[in-house]
Amino acid sequence: MAVNRFVLNNISYHGAGAIGEIPGEIQRRGLAKAFVCSDPDLVKFGVVGKVTDKLDAAGIPWALYDQIKPNPTIKNVQDGVDAFKASGADMIVAVGGGSAMDTAKGIGIIVENPEFADVVSLEGVADTKNHATFTIAVPTTAGTAAEVTINYVITDPEKVRKFVCVDVNDIPDVAVVDPDMMASMPAGLTAATGMDALTHAIEGYTTQGAWELSDMFHLKAIELISKNLRAAYAEAKSGKPGEGREGMALGQYVAGMGFSNVGLGIDHAMAHTLSAHYDTPHGVACAMLLPVAMEFNKPVAAERLADVARAMGVDVAGMSAEEAADAAIAAVRQLSADVEIPHTCAGLVAEDLDQLASDAMADACFPGNPREADHDQVVELFRKIMA
């Protein structure tokens, strides 16, 4: 068997009230001051306050950096590095979705590896020497799993592109996955991030790098997400918490444990491109493209897609692998429809398809796809989600 590497958090906490463990993790290490990374809305709606209240109660000083955009830019990271240095902090607490955690990863890496201060040199697999500043990651969405991955995505507005950074030194030291921190997610965000998590699990299970250890995580994640996303969406619409949100908090993390270590594929390569060009929310882009990508990969991944159908609870008894793969694709389409994700991309026009295809093929996720795709094929895949 080939040598496979697996990287996970040193410590993770799961369950309602888990944020109560944050002060102890800081104090045990003798750290003096926290640099809290988040975005303005999470501050405005009191979500960040749930964490900073714990720091205050424990007598731990902190500084706040809350100027993070939904698709964090190079400047977001550079400004954050400057703010960190000015704050006198010696560790980071990232509170938010993928944007806050990705920004925190970039900050933490550059603080310890200042030769990468331009940020763009971190694209791909960067040769950093030092682990990022000690970081505790607290997700507020159930989807990106950035708290357990070695990946982060930064936007270059000048070149209208997103670039993926992959670095074992960027993984947060501690993940705190508290479903209570996800209580403020509106229904649309619950749906989008949930479908992003499902995409992570399905792409991770079918990617070229998949193997037994990652398979275990991905199949369980598919099961958990399929069982809980509809309920989590209903809970978000009603404003009443329940088991759906808790199931999604765990399911998205389990998916992250897998895909971070084996990569993704054409869906994410194309989704990154849509977000860069049209500001399409990442989870929505992933969801629109997921059945399209599964259909494209079916000729080389039918058996694996049949396993996806089983994990989603589809009865595939008596079906061929191809029929079961079709059932998996149908189940994904139905789940996406049930949580009201659009199936076409607003603003996508034929004149843009060539550029979109070129950008997608240059994305770091593209080579992991189980089936090779040429430029014309990628154009046609984008065409399938035109309105």
Protein backbone atom coordinates (compact mmCIF):
# COMPACT_ATOMS: atom_id res chain seq x y z
CA MET A 1 0.00 0.00 0.00
CA ALA A 2 1.20 3.53 -0.74
CA VAL A 3 2.26 5.75 2.15
CA ASN A 4 -0.68 7.95 3.18
CA ARG A 5 -0.55 10.91 5.56
CA PHE A 6 -3.34 11.89 7.94
CA VAL A 7 -3.42 15.20 9.84
CA LEU A 8 -6.02 16.10 12.48
CA ASN A 9 -6.41 18.60 15.33
CA ASN A 10 -4.43 17.87 18.48
CA ILE A 11 -7.65 18.26 20.47
CA SER A 12 -11.30 18.75 19.56
CA TYR A 13 -14.37 19.33 21.72
CA HIS A 14 -17.90 18.49 20.61
CA GLY A 15 -21.35 19.18 21.99
CA ALA A 16 -23.48 21.95 23.44
CA GLY A 17 -21.50 24.10 25.83
CA ALA A 18 -18.12 23.08 24.43
CA ILE A 19 -16.94 26.71 24.29
CA GLY A 20 -16.60 26.50 28.06
CA GLU A 21 -13.39 24.55 27.45
CA ILE A 22 -11.64 27.46 25.69
CA PRO A 23 -10.24 29.31 28.74
CA GLY A 24 -8.70 26.15 30.14
CA GLU A 25 -6.95 25.39 26.87
CA ILE A 26 -5.43 28.88 26.92
CA GLN A 27 -4.46 28.87 30.60
CA ARG A 28 -2.88 25.42 30.54
CA ARG A 29 -0.40 26.67 27.95
CA GLY A 30 0.45 29.84 29.85
CA LEU A 31 -0.75 32.04 27.01
CA ALA A 32 -1.41 35.67 27.87
CA LYS A 33 -3.75 37.31 25.36
CA ALA A 34 -6.18 36.14 22.65
CA PHE A 35 -6.56 37.68 19.20
CA VAL A 36 -10.21 37.05 18.27
CA CYS A 37 -10.84 36.80 14.51
CA SER A 38 -14.41 37.12 13.29
CA ASP A 39 -16.71 39.19 11.09
CA PRO A 40 -18.88 42.24 11.86
CA ASP A 41 -22.22 40.42 11.73
CA LEU A 42 -21.16 37.80 14.27
CA VAL A 43 -20.08 40.60 16.57
CA LYS A 44 -23.29 42.55 15.97
CA PHE A 45 -25.54 39.59 16.75
CA GLY A 46 -23.71 38.58 19.91
CA VAL A 47 -22.21 35.33 18.66
CA VAL A 48 -18.62 36.40 19.30
CA GLY A 49 -19.72 37.65 22.70
CA LYS A 50 -20.50 34.09 23.77
CA VAL A 51 -16.78 33.33 23.48
CA THR A 52 -15.38 36.64 24.74
CA ASP A 53 -17.65 36.41 27.78
CA LYS A 54 -15.88 33.15 28.65
CA LEU A 55 -12.52 34.86 28.24
CA ASP A 56 -13.63 37.79 30.43
CA ALA A 57 -14.90 35.46 33.15
CA ALA A 58 -11.52 33.70 33.20
CA GLY A 59 -9.59 37.00 33.27
CA ILE A 60 -8.03 36.42 29.84
CA PRO A 61 -7.47 39.67 27.91
CA TRP A 62 -8.32 39.76 24.22
CA ALA A 63 -8.26 41.97 21.14
CA LEU A 64 -10.80 41.83 18.32
CA TYR A 65 -10.21 41.79 14.56
CA ASP A 66 -13.63 41.77 12.90
CA GLN A 67 -13.06 43.19 9.42
CA ILE A 68 -13.24 39.86 7.61
CA LYS A 69 -15.22 39.69 4.38
CA PRO A 70 -17.39 36.73 3.26
CA ASN A 71 -14.70 35.83 0.71
CA PRO A 72 -11.54 36.95 2.54
CA THR A 73 -8.99 38.82 0.48
CA ILE A 74 -5.22 39.13 0.50
CA LYS A 75 -5.62 42.52 2.20
CA ASN A 76 -7.87 40.97 4.90
CA VAL A 77 -5.03 38.64 5.83
CA GLN A 78 -2.33 41.32 5.68
CA ASP A 79 -4.40 43.74 7.77
CA GLY A 80 -4.98 40.93 10.24
CA VAL A 81 -1.25 40.25 10.53
CA ASP A 82 -0.65 43.94 11.28
CA ALA A 83 -3.47 43.98 13.83
CA PHE A 84 -2.14 40.84 15.51
CA LYS A 85 1.33 42.32 15.86
CA ALA A 86 -0.08 45.57 17.25
CA SER A 87 -2.34 43.78 19.75
CA GLY A 88 0.33 42.09 21.84
CA ALA A 89 -1.59 38.82 21.59
CA ASP A 90 0.19 35.46 21.59
CA MET A 91 -2.59 33.21 20.28
CA ILE A 92 -5.66 33.28 18.02
CA VAL A 93 -9.30 32.39 18.59
CA ALA A 94 -11.15 32.17 15.26
CA VAL A 95 -14.93 32.48 15.58
CA GLY A 96 -17.01 32.13 12.44
CA GLY A 97 -17.50 30.25 9.24
CA GLY A 98 -14.87 29.35 6.69
CA SER A 99 -14.04 32.99 5.98
CA ALA A 100 -13.02 33.79 9.56
CA MET A 101 -11.10 30.56 10.00
CA ASP A 102 -9.36 30.83 6.62
CA THR A 103 -8.28 34.38 7.45
CA ALA A 104 -7.05 33.25 10.86
CA LYS A 105 -5.02 30.48 9.23
CA GLY A 106 -3.36 32.95 6.89
CA ILE A 107 -2.60 35.32 9.77
CA GLY A 108 -1.21 32.57 11.96
CA ILE A 109 1.02 31.22 9.20
CA ILE A 110 2.47 34.60 8.23
CA VAL A 111 3.10 35.66 11.84
CA GLU A 112 5.32 32.62 12.23
CA ASN A 113 6.62 32.60 8.64
CA PRO A 114 7.00 36.29 7.68
CA GLU A 115 8.69 35.47 4.39
CA PHE A 116 5.18 34.70 3.07
CA ALA A 117 3.81 38.17 3.90
CA ASP A 118 2.66 38.71 0.31
CA VAL A 119 0.05 35.94 0.93
CA VAL A 120 0.01 34.88 -2.75
CA SER A 121 3.19 32.82 -2.25
CA LEU A 122 1.15 30.55 0.05
CA GLU A 123 -0.87 29.26 -2.91
CA GLY A 124 -0.70 25.52 -3.45
CA VAL A 125 1.57 23.59 -1.10
CA ALA A 126 3.77 26.23 0.52
CA ASP A 127 7.11 25.30 2.07
CA THR A 128 6.50 26.91 5.45
CA LYS A 129 8.92 25.98 8.21
CA ASN A 130 6.95 26.84 11.34
CA HIS A 131 3.51 25.89 12.60
CA ALA A 132 0.98 28.72 12.71
CA THR A 133 0.45 30.70 15.89
CA PHE A 134 -1.47 28.61 18.43
CA THR A 135 -5.09 28.74 17.27
CA ILE A 136 -8.44 27.65 18.67
CA ALA A 137 -11.12 27.44 15.95
CA VAL A 138 -14.81 27.81 16.81
CA PRO A 139 -17.11 27.22 13.83
CA THR A 140 -20.44 29.04 13.65
CA THR A 141 -21.62 27.24 10.52
CA ALA A 142 -22.03 23.53 9.81
CA GLY A 143 -20.28 23.12 6.51
CA THR A 144 -16.75 24.27 5.80
CA ALA A 145 -14.98 22.16 8.46
CA ALA A 146 -12.13 24.69 8.25
CA GLU A 147 -11.50 24.01 11.93
CA VAL A 148 -10.08 20.56 11.06
CA THR A 149 -8.59 21.03 7.61
CA ILE A 150 -5.13 21.88 6.30
CA ASN A 151 -6.66 24.02 3.55
CA TYR A 152 -7.73 27.62 3.28
CA VAL A 153 -8.97 29.77 0.41
CA ILE A 154 -8.10 33.43 -0.23
CA THR A 155 -9.52 35.77 -2.87
CA ASP A 156 -7.34 37.87 -5.16
CA PRO A 157 -9.74 40.66 -6.27
CA GLU A 158 -7.32 42.11 -8.80
CA LYS A 159 -7.10 38.86 -10.72
CA VAL A 160 -10.73 37.86 -9.99
CA ARG A 161 -9.73 34.47 -8.65
CA LYS A 162 -9.62 32.40 -5.52
CA PHE A 163 -6.53 30.43 -4.64
CA VAL A 164 -6.24 27.39 -2.41
CA CYS A 165 -3.47 27.02 0.15
CA VAL A 166 -2.61 23.57 1.52
CA ASP A 167 -0.29 23.43 4.52
CA VAL A 168 -0.04 20.98 7.41
CA ASN A 169 1.25 23.89 9.51
CA ASP A 170 -2.05 25.78 9.29
CA ILE A 171 -4.39 23.31 11.02
CA PRO A 172 -5.87 24.80 14.21
CA ASP A 173 -4.45 23.23 17.35
CA VAL A 174 -7.86 22.99 19.01
CA ALA A 175 -11.32 22.75 17.43
CA VAL A 176 -14.40 23.59 19.50
CA VAL A 177 -17.50 22.35 17.68
CA ASP A 178 -20.39 23.67 19.76
CA PRO A 179 -23.83 23.47 18.08
CA ASP A 180 -25.02 26.35 20.26
CA MET A 181 -22.59 28.58 18.34
CA MET A 182 -24.49 27.71 15.17
CA ALA A 183 -27.89 28.75 16.51
CA SER A 184 -27.91 32.09 14.69
CA MET A 185 -27.48 30.56 11.22
CA PRO A 186 -30.39 31.59 8.99
CA ALA A 187 -32.10 28.90 6.95
CA GLY A 188 -30.37 29.80 3.68
CA LEU A 189 -26.93 29.59 5.24
CA THR A 190 -27.86 26.34 6.98
CA ALA A 191 -28.78 24.86 3.61
CA ALA A 192 -25.74 26.18 1.74
CA THR A 193 -23.17 25.17 4.32
CA GLY A 194 -24.86 21.80 4.78
CA MET A 195 -24.65 21.06 1.07
CA ASP A 196 -21.02 22.19 1.10
CA ALA A 197 -20.39 19.56 3.78
CA LEU A 198 -22.14 16.91 1.71
CA THR A 199 -20.01 17.89 -1.28
CA HIS A 200 -16.88 17.52 0.84
CA ALA A 201 -17.94 14.02 1.84
CA ILE A 202 -18.96 12.82 -1.63
CA GLU A 203 -16.01 14.38 -3.44
CA GLY A 204 -13.65 13.12 -0.74
CA TYR A 205 -15.03 9.60 -1.16
CA THR A 206 -14.63 9.65 -4.95
CA THR A 207 -11.38 11.61 -5.27
CA GLN A 208 -8.23 9.92 -6.58
CA GLY A 209 -6.57 10.07 -3.17
CA ALA A 210 -9.36 8.24 -1.29
CA TRP A 211 -8.33 5.25 0.81
CA GLU A 212 -9.72 3.15 3.66
CA LEU A 213 -9.18 5.59 6.53
CA SER A 214 -10.69 8.56 4.68
CA ASP A 215 -13.50 6.33 3.35
CA MET A 216 -14.59 5.60 6.91
CA PHE A 217 -15.04 9.29 7.68
CA HIS A 218 -16.70 10.18 4.39
CA LEU A 219 -19.33 7.45 4.46
CA LYS A 220 -20.27 8.31 8.05
CA ALA A 221 -20.43 12.00 7.15
CA ILE A 222 -22.72 11.32 4.19
CA GLU A 223 -25.00 9.35 6.50
CA LEU A 224 -25.06 12.05 9.19
CA ILE A 225 -25.65 14.91 6.76
CA SER A 226 -28.37 13.07 4.84
CA LYS A 227 -30.17 12.29 8.09
CA ASN A 228 -29.89 15.75 9.62
CA LEU A 229 -29.78 18.52 7.00
CA ARG A 230 -33.52 18.69 6.35
CA ALA A 231 -34.21 18.84 10.08
CA ALA A 232 -31.51 21.46 10.63
CA TYR A 233 -33.01 23.55 7.83
CA ALA A 234 -36.49 23.28 9.37
CA GLU A 235 -35.09 24.23 12.77
CA ALA A 236 -33.42 27.30 11.28
CA LYS A 237 -36.69 28.38 9.65
CA SER A 238 -38.66 27.92 12.86
CA GLY A 239 -35.99 29.30 15.17
CA LYS A 240 -36.27 26.22 17.38
CA PRO A 241 -33.06 24.27 18.05
CA GLY A 242 -33.05 20.51 17.81
CA GLU A 243 -31.14 17.38 16.95
CA GLY A 244 -30.72 18.35 13.30
CA ARG A 245 -28.30 21.14 14.13
CA GLU A 246 -26.30 18.89 16.45
CA GLY A 247 -26.13 16.16 13.81
CA MET A 248 -24.92 18.63 11.19
CA ALA A 249 -22.26 20.05 13.53
CA LEU A 250 -20.79 16.56 13.86
CA GLY A 251 -21.35 15.50 10.25
CA GLN A 252 -19.54 18.46 8.73
CA TYR A 253 -16.56 17.94 11.07
CA VAL A 254 -16.32 14.25 10.21
CA ALA A 255 -16.35 15.15 6.51
CA GLY A 256 -13.51 17.58 7.15
CA MET A 257 -11.45 14.91 8.90
CA GLY A 258 -11.54 13.00 5.63
CA PHE A 259 -11.31 15.41 2.73
CA SER A 260 -8.59 17.55 4.27
CA ASN A 261 -6.29 14.56 3.92
CA VAL A 262 -7.21 13.31 0.44
CA GLY A 263 -8.40 16.33 -1.50
CA LEU A 264 -11.51 17.12 -3.52
CA GLY A 265 -12.31 17.36 -7.23
CA ILE A 266 -13.95 19.15 -10.11
CA ASP A 267 -16.99 20.37 -8.17
CA HIS A 268 -14.90 22.46 -5.79
CA ALA A 269 -12.61 23.66 -8.59
CA MET A 270 -15.64 24.98 -10.45
CA ALA A 271 -17.33 26.30 -7.31
CA HIS A 272 -14.28 28.37 -6.36
CA THR A 273 -14.39 29.89 -9.84
CA LEU A 274 -18.08 30.77 -9.64
CA SER A 275 -17.58 32.47 -6.28
CA ALA A 276 -14.64 34.50 -7.58
CA HIS A 277 -16.47 35.70 -10.70
CA TYR A 278 -20.05 36.10 -9.46
CA ASP A 279 -19.67 36.16 -5.67
CA THR A 280 -21.87 33.06 -5.58
CA PRO A 281 -21.97 31.71 -2.01
CA HIS A 282 -19.57 28.79 -1.90
CA GLY A 283 -22.04 26.26 -0.54
CA VAL A 284 -24.66 27.22 -3.13
CA ALA A 285 -22.11 26.84 -5.92
CA CYS A 286 -21.09 23.41 -4.60
CA ALA A 287 -24.69 22.28 -4.32
CA MET A 288 -25.63 23.36 -7.85
CA LEU A 289 -22.62 21.55 -9.27
CA LEU A 290 -22.69 18.39 -7.15
CA PRO A 291 -25.14 16.29 -9.21
CA VAL A 292 -23.50 17.59 -12.40
CA ALA A 293 -20.06 16.49 -11.18
CA MET A 294 -21.39 13.13 -9.97
CA GLU A 295 -22.97 12.48 -13.36
CA PHE A 296 -19.69 13.37 -15.10
CA ASN A 297 -17.70 11.05 -12.81
CA LYS A 298 -20.14 8.13 -13.03
CA PRO A 299 -18.27 6.31 -15.85
CA VAL A 300 -15.25 5.84 -13.57
CA ALA A 301 -16.87 5.98 -10.11
CA ALA A 302 -20.17 4.08 -10.37
CA GLU A 303 -19.30 1.64 -7.57
CA ARG A 304 -18.34 4.45 -5.22
CA LEU A 305 -21.44 6.45 -6.08
CA ALA A 306 -23.49 3.34 -5.33
CA ASP A 307 -21.93 3.40 -1.85
CA VAL A 308 -22.98 7.06 -1.59
CA ALA A 309 -26.57 6.02 -2.32
CA ARG A 310 -26.46 3.44 0.47
CA ALA A 311 -24.98 5.97 2.92
CA MET A 312 -27.81 8.36 2.03
CA GLY A 313 -30.31 5.69 2.99
CA VAL A 314 -31.40 4.75 -0.54
CA ASP A 315 -32.58 1.15 -1.02
CA VAL A 316 -30.42 -0.08 -3.89
CA ALA A 317 -31.26 -3.76 -3.58
CA GLY A 318 -31.36 -5.37 -7.03
CA MET A 319 -29.81 -2.35 -8.75
CA SER A 320 -26.68 -2.44 -10.88
CA ALA A 321 -23.83 -0.14 -9.86
CA GLU A 322 -24.85 2.31 -12.59
CA GLU A 323 -28.47 2.30 -11.45
CA ALA A 324 -27.44 2.83 -7.84
CA ALA A 325 -25.16 5.68 -8.92
CA ASP A 326 -28.13 7.28 -10.67
CA ALA A 327 -30.12 6.85 -7.46
CA ALA A 328 -27.39 8.67 -5.53
CA ILE A 329 -27.48 11.56 -8.00
CA ALA A 330 -31.28 11.70 -7.71
CA ALA A 331 -31.05 11.67 -3.90
CA VAL A 332 -28.61 14.59 -3.96
CA ARG A 333 -30.88 16.57 -6.29
CA GLN A 334 -33.85 15.90 -4.00
CA LEU A 335 -32.00 16.91 -0.84
CA SER A 336 -30.82 20.11 -2.50
CA ALA A 337 -34.37 20.90 -3.63
CA ASP A 338 -35.78 20.13 -0.17
CA VAL A 339 -33.54 22.77 1.39
CA GLU A 340 -34.39 25.20 -1.42
CA ILE A 341 -31.01 25.51 -3.13
CA PRO A 342 -31.30 26.93 -6.67
CA HIS A 343 -30.21 24.57 -9.46
CA THR A 344 -28.97 27.30 -11.80
CA CYS A 345 -26.45 30.11 -11.32
CA ALA A 346 -27.70 33.68 -11.59
CA GLY A 347 -25.52 35.79 -13.85
CA LEU A 348 -23.82 32.88 -15.60
CA VAL A 349 -23.63 33.66 -19.32
CA ALA A 350 -22.19 31.82 -22.30
CA GLU A 351 -19.56 34.50 -22.98
CA ASP A 352 -17.89 33.70 -19.64
CA LEU A 353 -17.68 29.93 -20.01
CA ASP A 354 -14.23 29.75 -21.59
CA GLN A 355 -12.65 31.86 -18.85
CA LEU A 356 -14.51 29.98 -16.13
CA ALA A 357 -13.30 26.66 -17.49
CA SER A 358 -9.71 27.85 -17.69
CA ASP A 359 -9.81 29.13 -14.11
CA ALA A 360 -11.40 25.93 -12.81
CA MET A 361 -8.76 23.79 -14.50
CA ALA A 362 -6.04 25.86 -12.76
CA ASP A 363 -7.62 25.33 -9.32
CA ALA A 364 -5.76 23.15 -6.83
CA CYS A 365 -8.77 20.86 -6.41
CA PHE A 366 -9.03 19.99 -10.12
CA PRO A 367 -6.29 17.30 -10.34
CA GLY A 368 -7.94 15.21 -7.62
CA ASN A 369 -11.01 14.46 -9.71
CA PRO A 370 -11.37 10.74 -10.50
CA ARG A 371 -12.08 11.40 -14.18
CA GLU A 372 -9.93 13.64 -16.33
CA ALA A 373 -11.71 16.54 -18.00
CA ASP A 374 -10.61 18.72 -20.89
CA HIS A 375 -11.48 22.36 -21.43
CA ASP A 376 -14.52 21.69 -23.62
CA GLN A 377 -15.95 19.24 -21.10
CA VAL A 378 -15.60 21.75 -18.26
CA VAL A 379 -17.33 24.37 -20.40
CA GLU A 380 -20.24 21.97 -20.89
CA LEU A 381 -20.43 21.24 -17.17
CA PHE A 382 -20.75 24.95 -16.45
CA ARG A 383 -23.36 25.21 -19.19
CA LYS A 384 -25.54 22.69 -17.32
CA ILE A 385 -26.14 25.19 -14.52
CA MET A 386 -26.97 28.17 -16.74
CA ALA A 387 -30.44 29.56 -16.19
